[in-house]
Protein backbone atom coordinates (compact mmCIF):
# COMPACT_ATOMS: atom_id res chain seq x y z
CA UNK A 1 30.73 9.21 -16.49
CA UNK A 2 29.85 11.25 -19.52
CA UNK A 3 30.30 10.15 -23.11
CA UNK A 4 33.81 10.85 -24.39
CA UNK A 5 35.45 10.57 -20.98
CA UNK A 6 38.49 8.40 -20.36
CA UNK A 7 39.40 6.09 -17.51
CA UNK A 8 43.08 5.28 -16.94
CA UNK A 9 44.00 2.28 -14.81
CA UNK A 10 47.61 1.96 -13.67
CA UNK A 11 48.72 -1.60 -13.01
CA UNK A 12 47.26 -4.87 -14.13
CA UNK A 13 48.68 -7.57 -11.88
CA UNK A 14 46.34 -7.17 -8.91
CA UNK A 15 42.86 -5.77 -9.35
CA UNK A 16 43.67 -3.55 -12.35
CA UNK A 17 42.83 -6.11 -15.04
CA UNK A 18 39.45 -7.16 -13.61
CA UNK A 19 38.69 -3.51 -12.82
CA UNK A 20 39.29 -2.52 -16.45
CA UNK A 21 37.08 -5.33 -17.76
CA UNK A 22 34.27 -4.49 -15.33
CA UNK A 23 34.52 -0.77 -16.07
CA UNK A 24 34.21 -1.42 -19.81
CA UNK A 25 31.24 -3.73 -19.21
CA UNK A 26 29.43 -1.22 -16.98
CA UNK A 27 30.36 1.89 -19.01
CA UNK A 28 30.84 0.89 -22.68
CA UNK A 29 30.90 4.54 -23.79
CA UNK A 30 34.05 5.29 -21.74
CA UNK A 31 37.55 4.77 -23.16
CA UNK A 32 39.47 2.50 -20.78
CA UNK A 33 43.28 2.60 -20.90
CA UNK A 34 45.43 0.16 -18.92
CA UNK A 35 49.06 1.08 -18.23
CA UNK A 36 51.33 -1.79 -17.24
CA UNK A 37 54.91 -1.48 -16.05
CA UNK A 38 56.92 -3.58 -18.45
CA UNK A 39 59.99 -2.61 -20.38
CA UNK A 40 58.46 -2.42 -23.87
CA UNK A 41 54.78 -2.99 -23.26
CA UNK A 42 51.86 -0.56 -22.97
CA UNK A 43 48.35 -1.96 -23.55
CA UNK A 44 45.30 -0.05 -24.56
């Protein structure tokens, strides 16, 4: 991915959390956003 690109991961209970951590480790220049379905909770 190019610098300045964003990666959005929907869901964190299955493979979403580890996927986000691995993506950030492999591509530190990419903004990783994780969206979780909880009533009052969005994590970035």
